[in-house]
Every structure is written in structure tokens, then in C-alpha cells.
Amino acid sequence: PLSEFETCALRYKYGVATESEPLAKRARHPYASFKGVNFCAHRT
């Protein structure tokens, strides 16, 4: 919740509206929805 981001209103608002995508949307566009914050890749 926003209370955790008292001086970070822009980062929070943009993140919630644009970056934090639900699973269904990410699955429809798997490559465009790739984010480096949390992913697991095989060594190859």
C-alpha cells in the first residue's frame, strides 16, 4: 500500500498502473512483459 511509499508517490503510482501486471496479461505477452526483478533462467 501507498503508506509504505510516503515520498515515492510517482514510483508507486507508475509501478502499480503500468509495471505490476497481472498474470493473465503477462501470459498474453510473455516477452514484452519480461522484467528482470524476479525471474529464473536455465543455464543454457
PDB file of all heavy atoms in Angstrom:
ATOM      1  N   PRO A   1       0.810  -1.223   0.000  1.00  0.00           N
ATOM      2  CA  PRO A   1       0.000   0.000   0.000  1.00  0.00           C
ATOM      3  C   PRO A   1       0.839   1.267   0.000  1.00  0.00           C
ATOM      4  O   PRO A   1       1.998   1.274   0.430  1.00  0.00           O
ATOM      5  CB  PRO A   1      -0.808  -0.123   1.294  1.00  0.00           C
ATOM      6  CG  PRO A   1      -0.906  -1.592   1.532  1.00  0.00           C
ATOM      7  CD  PRO A   1       0.412  -2.152   1.061  1.00  0.00           C
ATOM      8  N   LEU A   2       0.239   2.367  -0.471  1.00  0.00           N
ATOM      9  CA  LEU A   2       0.950   3.628  -0.657  1.00  0.00           C
ATOM     10  C   LEU A   2       1.593   4.137   0.615  1.00  0.00           C
ATOM     11  O   LEU A   2       2.606   4.826   0.570  1.00  0.00           O
ATOM     12  CB  LEU A   2      -0.011   4.682  -1.208  1.00  0.00           C
ATOM     13  CG  LEU A   2       0.571   6.067  -1.544  1.00  0.00           C
ATOM     14  CD1 LEU A   2       1.689   5.933  -2.568  1.00  0.00           C
ATOM     15  CD2 LEU A   2      -0.514   6.991  -2.072  1.00  0.00           C
ATOM     16  N   SER A   3       1.047   3.808   1.765  1.00  0.00           N
ATOM     17  CA  SER A   3       1.626   4.268   3.023  1.00  0.00           C
ATOM     18  C   SER A   3       3.068   3.822   3.195  1.00  0.00           C
ATOM     19  O   SER A   3       3.837   4.420   3.944  1.00  0.00           O
ATOM     20  CB  SER A   3       0.794   3.757   4.207  1.00  0.00           C
ATOM     21  OG  SER A   3       0.747   2.341   4.214  1.00  0.00           O
ATOM     22  N   GLU A   4       3.436   2.776   2.476  1.00  0.00           N
ATOM     23  CA  GLU A   4       4.810   2.283   2.524  1.00  0.00           C
ATOM     24  C   GLU A   4       5.742   3.153   1.675  1.00  0.00           C
ATOM     25  O   GLU A   4       6.954   2.997   1.726  1.00  0.00           O
ATOM     26  CB  GLU A   4       4.867   0.844   2.000  1.00  0.00           C
ATOM     27  CG  GLU A   4       4.035  -0.141   2.780  1.00  0.00           C
ATOM     28  CD  GLU A   4       4.752  -0.632   4.013  1.00  0.00           C
ATOM     29  OE1 GLU A   4       5.997  -0.551   4.029  1.00  0.00           O
ATOM     30  OE2 GLU A   4       4.077  -1.074   4.955  1.00  0.00           O
ATOM     31  N   PHE A   5       5.177   4.070   0.883  1.00  0.00           N
ATOM     32  CA  PHE A   5       5.949   4.851  -0.076  1.00  0.00           C
ATOM     33  C   PHE A   5       5.662   6.346   0.112  1.00  0.00           C
ATOM     34  O   PHE A   5       5.244   7.037  -0.815  1.00  0.00           O
ATOM     35  CB  PHE A   5       5.591   4.440  -1.512  1.00  0.00           C
ATOM     36  CG  PHE A   5       6.015   3.057  -1.873  1.00  0.00           C
ATOM     37  CD1 PHE A   5       5.277   1.968  -1.465  1.00  0.00           C
ATOM     38  CD2 PHE A   5       7.159   2.846  -2.614  1.00  0.00           C
ATOM     39  CE1 PHE A   5       5.668   0.682  -1.794  1.00  0.00           C
ATOM     40  CE2 PHE A   5       7.556   1.562  -2.958  1.00  0.00           C
ATOM     41  CZ  PHE A   5       6.808   0.475  -2.543  1.00  0.00           C
ATOM     42  N   GLU A   6       5.875   6.851   1.301  1.00  0.00           N
ATOM     43  CA  GLU A   6       5.451   8.205   1.640  1.00  0.00           C
ATOM     44  C   GLU A   6       6.032   9.268   0.713  1.00  0.00           C
ATOM     45  O   GLU A   6       5.352  10.223   0.342  1.00  0.00           O
ATOM     46  CB  GLU A   6       5.823   8.505   3.092  1.00  0.00           C
ATOM     47  CG  GLU A   6       5.066   7.629   4.097  1.00  0.00           C
ATOM     48  CD  GLU A   6       5.519   7.877   5.504  1.00  0.00           C
ATOM     49  OE1 GLU A   6       6.473   8.670   5.684  1.00  0.00           O
ATOM     50  OE2 GLU A   6       4.938   7.290   6.433  1.00  0.00           O
ATOM     51  N   THR A   7       7.294   9.154   0.357  1.00  0.00           N
ATOM     52  CA  THR A   7       7.930  10.160  -0.504  1.00  0.00           C
ATOM     53  C   THR A   7       8.167   9.624  -1.919  1.00  0.00           C
ATOM     54  O   THR A   7       8.930  10.203  -2.668  1.00  0.00           O
ATOM     55  CB  THR A   7       9.277  10.613   0.098  1.00  0.00           C
ATOM     56  OG1 THR A   7      10.151   9.485   0.185  1.00  0.00           O
ATOM     57  CG2 THR A   7       9.078  11.217   1.478  1.00  0.00           C
ATOM     58  N   CYS A   8       7.500   8.535  -2.253  1.00  0.00           N
ATOM     59  CA  CYS A   8       7.750   7.862  -3.521  1.00  0.00           C
ATOM     60  C   CYS A   8       6.471   7.746  -4.339  1.00  0.00           C
ATOM     61  O   CYS A   8       6.228   6.726  -4.985  1.00  0.00           O
ATOM     62  CB  CYS A   8       8.334   6.473  -3.280  1.00  0.00           C
ATOM     63  SG  CYS A   8       9.651   6.405  -2.049  1.00  0.00           S
ATOM     64  N   ALA A   9       5.638   8.786  -4.313  1.00  0.00           N
ATOM     65  CA  ALA A   9       4.319   8.694  -4.942  1.00  0.00           C
ATOM     66  C   ALA A   9       4.413   8.359  -6.422  1.00  0.00           C
ATOM     67  O   ALA A   9       3.647   7.538  -6.936  1.00  0.00           O
ATOM     68  CB  ALA A   9       3.551   9.998  -4.737  1.00  0.00           C
ATOM     69  N   LEU A  10       5.342   8.982  -7.139  1.00  0.00           N
ATOM     70  CA  LEU A  10       5.460   8.737  -8.577  1.00  0.00           C
ATOM     71  C   LEU A  10       5.873   7.299  -8.849  1.00  0.00           C
ATOM     72  O   LEU A  10       5.281   6.622  -9.705  1.00  0.00           O
ATOM     73  CB  LEU A  10       6.466   9.712  -9.198  1.00  0.00           C
ATOM     74  CG  LEU A  10       6.720   9.529 -10.702  1.00  0.00           C
ATOM     75  CD1 LEU A  10       5.431   9.735 -11.502  1.00  0.00           C
ATOM     76  CD2 LEU A  10       7.809  10.491 -11.177  1.00  0.00           C
ATOM     77  N   ARG A  11       6.889   6.826  -8.148  1.00  0.00           N
ATOM     78  CA  ARG A  11       7.364   5.450  -8.352  1.00  0.00           C
ATOM     79  C   ARG A  11       6.258   4.446  -8.074  1.00  0.00           C
ATOM     80  O   ARG A  11       6.063   3.485  -8.822  1.00  0.00           O
ATOM     81  CB  ARG A  11       8.570   5.170  -7.435  1.00  0.00           C
ATOM     82  CG  ARG A  11       9.218   3.797  -7.686  1.00  0.00           C
ATOM     83  CD  ARG A  11       9.941   3.851  -9.005  1.00  0.00           C
ATOM     84  NE  ARG A  11      10.425   2.561  -9.445  1.00  0.00           N
ATOM     85  CZ  ARG A  11       9.732   1.707 -10.197  1.00  0.00           C
ATOM     86  NH1 ARG A  11       8.478   1.984 -10.525  1.00  0.00           N
ATOM     87  NH2 ARG A  11      10.261   0.582 -10.596  1.00  0.00           N
ATOM     88  N   TYR A  12       5.526   4.685  -6.999  1.00  0.00           N
ATOM     89  CA  TYR A  12       4.453   3.775  -6.616  1.00  0.00           C
ATOM     90  C   TYR A  12       3.309   3.809  -7.627  1.00  0.00           C
ATOM     91  O   TYR A  12       2.846   2.774  -8.099  1.00  0.00           O
ATOM     92  CB  TYR A  12       3.936   4.156  -5.223  1.00  0.00           C
ATOM     93  CG  TYR A  12       2.721   3.387  -4.799  1.00  0.00           C
ATOM     94  CD1 TYR A  12       2.842   2.120  -4.229  1.00  0.00           C
ATOM     95  CD2 TYR A  12       1.447   3.903  -4.977  1.00  0.00           C
ATOM     96  CE1 TYR A  12       1.730   1.398  -3.846  1.00  0.00           C
ATOM     97  CE2 TYR A  12       0.321   3.192  -4.595  1.00  0.00           C
ATOM     98  CZ  TYR A  12       0.464   1.940  -4.029  1.00  0.00           C
ATOM     99  OH  TYR A  12      -0.639   1.227  -3.672  1.00  0.00           O
ATOM    100  N   LYS A  13       2.853   5.006  -7.970  1.00  0.00           N
ATOM    101  CA  LYS A  13       1.690   5.136  -8.849  1.00  0.00           C
ATOM    102  C   LYS A  13       1.978   4.552 -10.230  1.00  0.00           C
ATOM    103  O   LYS A  13       1.155   3.830 -10.801  1.00  0.00           O
ATOM    104  CB  LYS A  13       1.295   6.611  -8.964  1.00  0.00           C
ATOM    105  CG  LYS A  13      -0.053   6.847  -9.622  1.00  0.00           C
ATOM    106  CD  LYS A  13      -0.468   8.313  -9.506  1.00  0.00           C
ATOM    107  CE  LYS A  13      -1.864   8.536 -10.075  1.00  0.00           C
ATOM    108  NZ  LYS A  13      -2.294   9.949  -9.933  1.00  0.00           N
ATOM    109  N   TYR A  14       3.164   4.839 -10.771  1.00  0.00           N
ATOM    110  CA  TYR A  14       3.533   4.304 -12.078  1.00  0.00           C
ATOM    111  C   TYR A  14       3.715   2.790 -12.009  1.00  0.00           C
ATOM    112  O   TYR A  14       3.282   2.054 -12.904  1.00  0.00           O
ATOM    113  CB  TYR A  14       4.815   4.962 -12.571  1.00  0.00           C
ATOM    114  CG  TYR A  14       5.270   4.449 -13.912  1.00  0.00           C
ATOM    115  CD1 TYR A  14       4.606   4.808 -15.077  1.00  0.00           C
ATOM    116  CD2 TYR A  14       6.369   3.600 -14.018  1.00  0.00           C
ATOM    117  CE1 TYR A  14       5.010   4.329 -16.314  1.00  0.00           C
ATOM    118  CE2 TYR A  14       6.778   3.112 -15.244  1.00  0.00           C
ATOM    119  CZ  TYR A  14       6.101   3.486 -16.391  1.00  0.00           C
ATOM    120  OH  TYR A  14       6.499   2.998 -17.613  1.00  0.00           O
ATOM    121  N   GLY A  15       4.330   2.322 -10.934  1.00  0.00           N
ATOM    122  CA  GLY A  15       4.555   0.890 -10.798  1.00  0.00           C
ATOM    123  C   GLY A  15       3.263   0.099 -10.750  1.00  0.00           C
ATOM    124  O   GLY A  15       3.117  -0.934 -11.412  1.00  0.00           O
ATOM    125  N   VAL A  16       2.304   0.570  -9.963  1.00  0.00           N
ATOM    126  CA  VAL A  16       1.027  -0.121  -9.831  1.00  0.00           C
ATOM    127  C   VAL A  16       0.249  -0.086 -11.151  1.00  0.00           C
ATOM    128  O   VAL A  16      -0.326  -1.089 -11.580  1.00  0.00           O
ATOM    129  CB  VAL A  16       0.197   0.507  -8.699  1.00  0.00           C
ATOM    130  CG1 VAL A  16      -1.228  -0.031  -8.716  1.00  0.00           C
ATOM    131  CG2 VAL A  16       0.848   0.230  -7.351  1.00  0.00           C
ATOM    132  N   ALA A  17       0.246   1.074 -11.807  1.00  0.00           N
ATOM    133  CA  ALA A  17      -0.569   1.244 -13.009  1.00  0.00           C
ATOM    134  C   ALA A  17       0.025   0.584 -14.242  1.00  0.00           C
ATOM    135  O   ALA A  17      -0.717   0.129 -15.130  1.00  0.00           O
ATOM    136  CB  ALA A  17      -0.771   2.735 -13.281  1.00  0.00           C
ATOM    137  N   THR A  18       1.339   0.507 -14.321  1.00  0.00           N
ATOM    138  CA  THR A  18       1.984   0.106 -15.574  1.00  0.00           C
ATOM    139  C   THR A  18       2.863  -1.139 -15.456  1.00  0.00           C
ATOM    140  O   THR A  18       2.815  -2.026 -16.305  1.00  0.00           O
ATOM    141  CB  THR A  18       2.843   1.263 -16.114  1.00  0.00           C
ATOM    142  OG1 THR A  18       2.020   2.427 -16.258  1.00  0.00           O
ATOM    143  CG2 THR A  18       3.445   0.920 -17.462  1.00  0.00           C
ATOM    144  N   GLU A  19       3.674  -1.210 -14.426  1.00  0.00           N
ATOM    145  CA  GLU A  19       4.684  -2.264 -14.355  1.00  0.00           C
ATOM    146  C   GLU A  19       4.185  -3.552 -13.711  1.00  0.00           C
ATOM    147  O   GLU A  19       4.575  -4.646 -14.111  1.00  0.00           O
ATOM    148  CB  GLU A  19       5.906  -1.752 -13.589  1.00  0.00           C
ATOM    149  CG  GLU A  19       6.634  -0.623 -14.276  1.00  0.00           C
ATOM    150  CD  GLU A  19       7.845  -0.160 -13.505  1.00  0.00           C
ATOM    151  OE1 GLU A  19       7.793  -0.181 -12.255  1.00  0.00           O
ATOM    152  OE2 GLU A  19       8.833   0.225 -14.133  1.00  0.00           O
ATOM    153  N   SER A  20       3.361  -3.423 -12.694  1.00  0.00           N
ATOM    154  CA  SER A  20       2.894  -4.595 -11.948  1.00  0.00           C
ATOM    155  C   SER A  20       1.698  -5.210 -12.669  1.00  0.00           C
ATOM    156  O   SER A  20       0.547  -4.910 -12.366  1.00  0.00           O
ATOM    157  CB  SER A  20       2.515  -4.185 -10.519  1.00  0.00           C
ATOM    158  OG  SER A  20       2.100  -5.308  -9.777  1.00  0.00           O
ATOM    159  N   GLU A  21       1.962  -6.097 -13.603  1.00  0.00           N
ATOM    160  CA  GLU A  21       0.918  -6.660 -14.457  1.00  0.00           C
ATOM    161  C   GLU A  21       0.380  -7.964 -13.878  1.00  0.00           C
ATOM    162  O   GLU A  21       1.142  -8.786 -13.362  1.00  0.00           O
ATOM    163  CB  GLU A  21       1.461  -6.920 -15.857  1.00  0.00           C
ATOM    164  CG  GLU A  21       1.963  -5.678 -16.580  1.00  0.00           C
ATOM    165  CD  GLU A  21       2.597  -5.998 -17.917  1.00  0.00           C
ATOM    166  OE1 GLU A  21       3.209  -7.078 -18.041  1.00  0.00           O
ATOM    167  OE2 GLU A  21       2.473  -5.169 -18.831  1.00  0.00           O
ATOM    168  N   PRO A  22      -0.937  -8.186 -13.971  1.00  0.00           N
ATOM    169  CA  PRO A  22      -1.497  -9.463 -13.515  1.00  0.00           C
ATOM    170  C   PRO A  22      -1.008 -10.608 -14.389  1.00  0.00           C
ATOM    171  O   PRO A  22      -0.591 -10.410 -15.534  1.00  0.00           O
ATOM    172  CB  PRO A  22      -3.005  -9.251 -13.654  1.00  0.00           C
ATOM    173  CG  PRO A  22      -3.151  -8.185 -14.691  1.00  0.00           C
ATOM    174  CD  PRO A  22      -1.960  -7.285 -14.524  1.00  0.00           C
ATOM    175  N   LEU A  23      -1.099 -11.801 -13.857  1.00  0.00           N
ATOM    176  CA  LEU A  23      -0.582 -12.975 -14.561  1.00  0.00           C
ATOM    177  C   LEU A  23      -1.203 -13.138 -15.941  1.00  0.00           C
ATOM    178  O   LEU A  23      -0.500 -13.442 -16.911  1.00  0.00           O
ATOM    179  CB  LEU A  23      -0.832 -14.229 -13.718  1.00  0.00           C
ATOM    180  CG  LEU A  23      -0.462 -15.570 -14.364  1.00  0.00           C
ATOM    181  CD1 LEU A  23       1.008 -15.607 -14.740  1.00  0.00           C
ATOM    182  CD2 LEU A  23      -0.816 -16.718 -13.427  1.00  0.00           C
ATOM    183  N   ALA A  24      -2.504 -12.937 -16.062  1.00  0.00           N
ATOM    184  CA  ALA A  24      -3.176 -13.142 -17.353  1.00  0.00           C
ATOM    185  C   ALA A  24      -2.598 -12.240 -18.433  1.00  0.00           C
ATOM    186  O   ALA A  24      -2.388 -12.669 -19.575  1.00  0.00           O
ATOM    187  CB  ALA A  24      -4.673 -12.889 -17.202  1.00  0.00           C
ATOM    188  N   LYS A  25      -2.313 -10.990 -18.081  1.00  0.00           N
ATOM    189  CA  LYS A  25      -1.746 -10.060 -19.057  1.00  0.00           C
ATOM    190  C   LYS A  25      -0.311 -10.433 -19.394  1.00  0.00           C
ATOM    191  O   LYS A  25       0.097 -10.391 -20.559  1.00  0.00           O
ATOM    192  CB  LYS A  25      -1.814  -8.633 -18.517  1.00  0.00           C
ATOM    193  CG  LYS A  25      -1.319  -7.588 -19.510  1.00  0.00           C
ATOM    194  CD  LYS A  25      -1.474  -6.181 -18.963  1.00  0.00           C
ATOM    195  CE  LYS A  25      -0.973  -5.146 -19.966  1.00  0.00           C
ATOM    196  NZ  LYS A  25      -1.107  -3.756 -19.432  1.00  0.00           N
ATOM    197  N   ARG A  26       0.467 -10.796 -18.388  1.00  0.00           N
ATOM    198  CA  ARG A  26       1.849 -11.195 -18.644  1.00  0.00           C
ATOM    199  C   ARG A  26       1.905 -12.416 -19.549  1.00  0.00           C
ATOM    200  O   ARG A  26       2.761 -12.511 -20.434  1.00  0.00           O
ATOM    201  CB  ARG A  26       2.572 -11.480 -17.320  1.00  0.00           C
ATOM    202  CG  ARG A  26       2.852 -10.247 -16.494  1.00  0.00           C
ATOM    203  CD  ARG A  26       3.782 -10.560 -15.322  1.00  0.00           C
ATOM    204  NE  ARG A  26       3.119 -11.218 -14.216  1.00  0.00           N
ATOM    205  CZ  ARG A  26       3.469 -12.391 -13.705  1.00  0.00           C
ATOM    206  NH1 ARG A  26       4.488 -13.072 -14.221  1.00  0.00           N
ATOM    207  NH2 ARG A  26       2.823 -12.912 -12.668  1.00  0.00           N
ATOM    208  N   ALA A  27       1.003 -13.352 -19.317  1.00  0.00           N
ATOM    209  CA  ALA A  27       0.998 -14.580 -20.108  1.00  0.00           C
ATOM    210  C   ALA A  27       0.638 -14.326 -21.566  1.00  0.00           C
ATOM    211  O   ALA A  27       1.104 -15.047 -22.455  1.00  0.00           O
ATOM    212  CB  ALA A  27       0.031 -15.592 -19.498  1.00  0.00           C
ATOM    213  N   ARG A  28      -0.190 -13.297 -21.818  1.00  0.00           N
ATOM    214  CA  ARG A  28      -0.564 -12.979 -23.205  1.00  0.00           C
ATOM    215  C   ARG A  28       0.593 -12.392 -23.988  1.00  0.00           C
ATOM    216  O   ARG A  28       0.680 -12.557 -25.206  1.00  0.00           O
ATOM    217  CB  ARG A  28      -1.748 -11.993 -23.219  1.00  0.00           C
ATOM    218  CG  ARG A  28      -3.077 -12.603 -22.869  1.00  0.00           C
ATOM    219  CD  ARG A  28      -4.237 -11.716 -23.295  1.00  0.00           C
ATOM    220  NE  ARG A  28      -4.184 -10.400 -22.676  1.00  0.00           N
ATOM    221  CZ  ARG A  28      -4.750 -10.099 -21.508  1.00  0.00           C
ATOM    222  NH1 ARG A  28      -5.398 -11.039 -20.828  1.00  0.00           N
ATOM    223  NH2 ARG A  28      -4.668  -8.873 -21.014  1.00  0.00           N
ATOM    224  N   HIS A  29       1.484 -11.692 -23.293  1.00  0.00           N
ATOM    225  CA  HIS A  29       2.633 -11.046 -23.943  1.00  0.00           C
ATOM    226  C   HIS A  29       3.910 -11.434 -23.177  1.00  0.00           C
ATOM    227  O   HIS A  29       4.513 -10.599 -22.491  1.00  0.00           O
ATOM    228  CB  HIS A  29       2.449  -9.529 -23.963  1.00  0.00           C
ATOM    229  CG  HIS A  29       1.143  -9.083 -24.546  1.00  0.00           C
ATOM    230  ND1 HIS A  29       0.903  -9.091 -25.902  1.00  0.00           N
ATOM    231  CD2 HIS A  29       0.009  -8.641 -23.949  1.00  0.00           C
ATOM    232  CE1 HIS A  29      -0.323  -8.655 -26.129  1.00  0.00           C
ATOM    233  NE2 HIS A  29      -0.891  -8.378 -24.973  1.00  0.00           N
ATOM    234  N   PRO A  30       4.308 -12.702 -23.272  1.00  0.00           N
ATOM    235  CA  PRO A  30       5.374 -13.204 -22.392  1.00  0.00           C
ATOM    236  C   PRO A  30       6.713 -12.506 -22.542  1.00  0.00           C
ATOM    237  O   PRO A  30       7.429 -12.319 -21.555  1.00  0.00           O
ATOM    238  CB  PRO A  30       5.476 -14.688 -22.774  1.00  0.00           C
ATOM    239  CG  PRO A  30       4.879 -14.770 -24.150  1.00  0.00           C
ATOM    240  CD  PRO A  30       3.816 -13.733 -24.187  1.00  0.00           C
ATOM    241  N   TYR A  31       7.075 -12.094 -23.746  1.00  0.00           N
ATOM    242  CA  TYR A  31       8.387 -11.475 -23.956  1.00  0.00           C
ATOM    243  C   TYR A  31       8.354  -9.990 -23.619  1.00  0.00           C
ATOM    244  O   TYR A  31       9.273  -9.468 -22.971  1.00  0.00           O
ATOM    245  CB  TYR A  31       8.849 -11.696 -25.392  1.00  0.00           C
ATOM    246  CG  TYR A  31       9.010 -13.154 -25.736  1.00  0.00           C
ATOM    247  CD1 TYR A  31       8.046 -13.822 -26.492  1.00  0.00           C
ATOM    248  CD2 TYR A  31      10.103 -13.883 -25.292  1.00  0.00           C
ATOM    249  CE1 TYR A  31       8.175 -15.162 -26.804  1.00  0.00           C
ATOM    250  CE2 TYR A  31      10.239 -15.230 -25.588  1.00  0.00           C
ATOM    251  CZ  TYR A  31       9.275 -15.869 -26.337  1.00  0.00           C
ATOM    252  OH  TYR A  31       9.408 -17.216 -26.623  1.00  0.00           O
ATOM    253  N   ALA A  32       7.309  -9.301 -24.040  1.00  0.00           N
ATOM    254  CA  ALA A  32       7.195  -7.876 -23.734  1.00  0.00           C
ATOM    255  C   ALA A  32       7.017  -7.636 -22.241  1.00  0.00           C
ATOM    256  O   ALA A  32       7.367  -6.573 -21.729  1.00  0.00           O
ATOM    257  CB  ALA A  32       6.021  -7.263 -24.496  1.00  0.00           C
ATOM    258  N   SER A  33       6.477  -8.639 -21.517  1.00  0.00           N
ATOM    259  CA  SER A  33       6.236  -8.500 -20.086  1.00  0.00           C
ATOM    260  C   SER A  33       7.424  -8.948 -19.238  1.00  0.00           C
ATOM    261  O   SER A  33       7.337  -8.934 -18.007  1.00  0.00           O
ATOM    262  CB  SER A  33       4.986  -9.301 -19.683  1.00  0.00           C
ATOM    263  OG  SER A  33       3.837  -8.784 -20.308  1.00  0.00           O
ATOM    264  N   PHE A  34       8.515  -9.330 -19.885  1.00  0.00           N
ATOM    265  CA  PHE A  34       9.678  -9.777 -19.114  1.00  0.00           C
ATOM    266  C   PHE A  34      10.233  -8.629 -18.279  1.00  0.00           C
ATOM    267  O   PHE A  34      10.439  -7.522 -18.774  1.00  0.00           O
ATOM    268  CB  PHE A  34      10.777 -10.307 -20.038  1.00  0.00           C
ATOM    269  CG  PHE A  34      12.043 -10.644 -19.301  1.00  0.00           C
ATOM    270  CD1 PHE A  34      12.190 -11.873 -18.684  1.00  0.00           C
ATOM    271  CD2 PHE A  34      13.068  -9.712 -19.189  1.00  0.00           C
ATOM    272  CE1 PHE A  34      13.352 -12.178 -17.982  1.00  0.00           C
ATOM    273  CE2 PHE A  34      14.228 -10.013 -18.496  1.00  0.00           C
ATOM    274  CZ  PHE A  34      14.373 -11.244 -17.890  1.00  0.00           C
ATOM    275  N   LYS A  35      10.466  -8.891 -17.005  1.00  0.00           N
ATOM    276  CA  LYS A  35      11.103  -7.928 -16.103  1.00  0.00           C
ATOM    277  C   LYS A  35      12.221  -8.645 -15.351  1.00  0.00           C
ATOM    278  O   LYS A  35      12.057  -9.772 -14.879  1.00  0.00           O
ATOM    279  CB  LYS A  35      10.101  -7.354 -15.106  1.00  0.00           C
ATOM    280  CG  LYS A  35       8.968  -6.544 -15.730  1.00  0.00           C
ATOM    281  CD  LYS A  35       9.467  -5.222 -16.297  1.00  0.00           C
ATOM    282  CE  LYS A  35       8.314  -4.316 -16.698  1.00  0.00           C
ATOM    283  NZ  LYS A  35       7.421  -4.917 -17.726  1.00  0.00           N
ATOM    284  N   GLY A  36      13.346  -7.968 -15.199  1.00  0.00           N
ATOM    285  CA  GLY A  36      14.494  -8.597 -14.562  1.00  0.00           C
ATOM    286  C   GLY A  36      14.433  -8.673 -13.057  1.00  0.00           C
ATOM    287  O   GLY A  36      15.309  -9.272 -12.436  1.00  0.00           O
ATOM    288  N   VAL A  37      13.392  -8.127 -12.455  1.00  0.00           N
ATOM    289  CA  VAL A  37      13.319  -8.068 -10.998  1.00  0.00           C
ATOM    290  C   VAL A  37      13.137  -9.432 -10.359  1.00  0.00           C
ATOM    291  O   VAL A  37      13.553  -9.662  -9.224  1.00  0.00           O
ATOM    292  CB  VAL A  37      12.178  -7.105 -10.557  1.00  0.00           C
ATOM    293  CG1 VAL A  37      10.829  -7.619 -11.016  1.00  0.00           C
ATOM    294  CG2 VAL A  37      12.174  -6.893  -9.059  1.00  0.00           C
ATOM    295  N   ASN A  38      12.544 -10.396 -11.097  1.00  0.00           N
ATOM    296  CA  ASN A  38      12.187 -11.683 -10.492  1.00  0.00           C
ATOM    297  C   ASN A  38      11.972 -12.718 -11.592  1.00  0.00           C
ATOM    298  O   ASN A  38      10.874 -12.850 -12.120  1.00  0.00           O
ATOM    299  CB  ASN A  38      10.917 -11.497  -9.643  1.00  0.00           C
ATOM    300  CG  ASN A  38      10.353 -12.806  -9.122  1.00  0.00           C
ATOM    301  OD1 ASN A  38      11.063 -13.788  -8.945  1.00  0.00           O
ATOM    302  ND2 ASN A  38       9.033 -12.818  -8.868  1.00  0.00           N
ATOM    303  N   PHE A  39      13.029 -13.444 -11.947  1.00  0.00           N
ATOM    304  CA  PHE A  39      12.896 -14.472 -12.988  1.00  0.00           C
ATOM    305  C   PHE A  39      13.920 -15.566 -12.772  1.00  0.00           C
ATOM    306  O   PHE A  39      14.949 -15.369 -12.119  1.00  0.00           O
ATOM    307  CB  PHE A  39      13.059 -13.869 -14.385  1.00  0.00           C
ATOM    308  CG  PHE A  39      14.481 -13.543 -14.778  1.00  0.00           C
ATOM    309  CD1 PHE A  39      15.222 -14.429 -15.569  1.00  0.00           C
ATOM    310  CD2 PHE A  39      15.085 -12.374 -14.366  1.00  0.00           C
ATOM    311  CE1 PHE A  39      16.528 -14.143 -15.931  1.00  0.00           C
ATOM    312  CE2 PHE A  39      16.397 -12.078 -14.734  1.00  0.00           C
ATOM    313  CZ  PHE A  39      17.119 -12.960 -15.515  1.00  0.00           C
ATOM    314  N   CYS A  40      13.638 -16.730 -13.346  1.00  0.00           N
ATOM    315  CA  CYS A  40      14.537 -17.867 -13.239  1.00  0.00           C
ATOM    316  C   CYS A  40      14.835 -18.397 -14.634  1.00  0.00           C
ATOM    317  O   CYS A  40      13.915 -18.664 -15.417  1.00  0.00           O
ATOM    318  CB  CYS A  40      13.895 -18.968 -12.392  1.00  0.00           C
ATOM    319  SG  CYS A  40      14.979 -20.393 -12.093  1.00  0.00           S
ATOM    320  N   ALA A  41      16.111 -18.533 -14.958  1.00  0.00           N
ATOM    321  CA  ALA A  41      16.525 -18.992 -16.285  1.00  0.00           C
ATOM    322  C   ALA A  41      17.435 -20.212 -16.165  1.00  0.00           C
ATOM    323  O   ALA A  41      18.257 -20.306 -15.248  1.00  0.00           O
ATOM    324  CB  ALA A  41      17.254 -17.879 -17.030  1.00  0.00           C
ATOM    325  N   HIS A  42      17.279 -21.124 -17.106  1.00  0.00           N
ATOM    326  CA  HIS A  42      18.175 -22.273 -17.175  1.00  0.00           C
ATOM    327  C   HIS A  42      19.550 -21.810 -17.656  1.00  0.00           C
ATOM    328  O   HIS A  42      19.672 -20.811 -18.375  1.00  0.00           O
ATOM    329  CB  HIS A  42      17.590 -23.319 -18.126  1.00  0.00           C
ATOM    330  CG  HIS A  42      18.326 -24.616 -18.113  1.00  0.00           C
ATOM    331  ND1 HIS A  42      19.125 -25.031 -19.153  1.00  0.00           N
ATOM    332  CD2 HIS A  42      18.395 -25.593 -17.171  1.00  0.00           C
ATOM    333  CE1 HIS A  42      19.643 -26.214 -18.867  1.00  0.00           C
ATOM    334  NE2 HIS A  42      19.231 -26.575 -17.674  1.00  0.00           N
ATOM    335  N   ARG A  43      20.569 -22.546 -17.264  1.00  0.00           N
ATOM    336  CA  ARG A  43      21.942 -22.161 -17.622  1.00  0.00           C
ATOM    337  C   ARG A  43      22.136 -22.013 -19.128  1.00  0.00           C
ATOM    338  O   ARG A  43      22.816 -21.105 -19.592  1.00  0.00           O
ATOM    339  CB  ARG A  43      22.938 -23.189 -17.074  1.00  0.00           C
ATOM    340  CG  ARG A  43      24.384 -22.949 -17.492  1.00  0.00           C
ATOM    341  CD  ARG A  43      25.350 -23.844 -16.775  1.00  0.00           C
ATOM    342  NE  ARG A  43      25.383 -23.538 -15.344  1.00  0.00           N
ATOM    343  CZ  ARG A  43      26.085 -22.541 -14.818  1.00  0.00           C
ATOM    344  NH1 ARG A  43      26.802 -21.739 -15.608  1.00  0.00           N
ATOM    345  NH2 ARG A  43      26.081 -22.339 -13.524  1.00  0.00           N
ATOM    346  N   THR A  44      21.528 -22.878 -19.919  1.00  0.00           N
ATOM    347  CA  THR A  44      21.702 -22.789 -21.369  1.00  0.00           C
ATOM    348  C   THR A  44      21.142 -21.483 -21.919  1.00  0.00           C
ATOM    349  O   THR A  44      21.623 -20.973 -22.932  1.00  0.00           O
ATOM    350  CB  THR A  44      21.020 -23.973 -22.070  1.00  0.00           C
ATOM    351  OG1 THR A  44      19.629 -24.013 -21.711  1.00  0.00           O
ATOM    352  CG2 THR A  44      21.679 -25.289 -21.679  1.00  0.00           C
TER     353      THR A  44
END
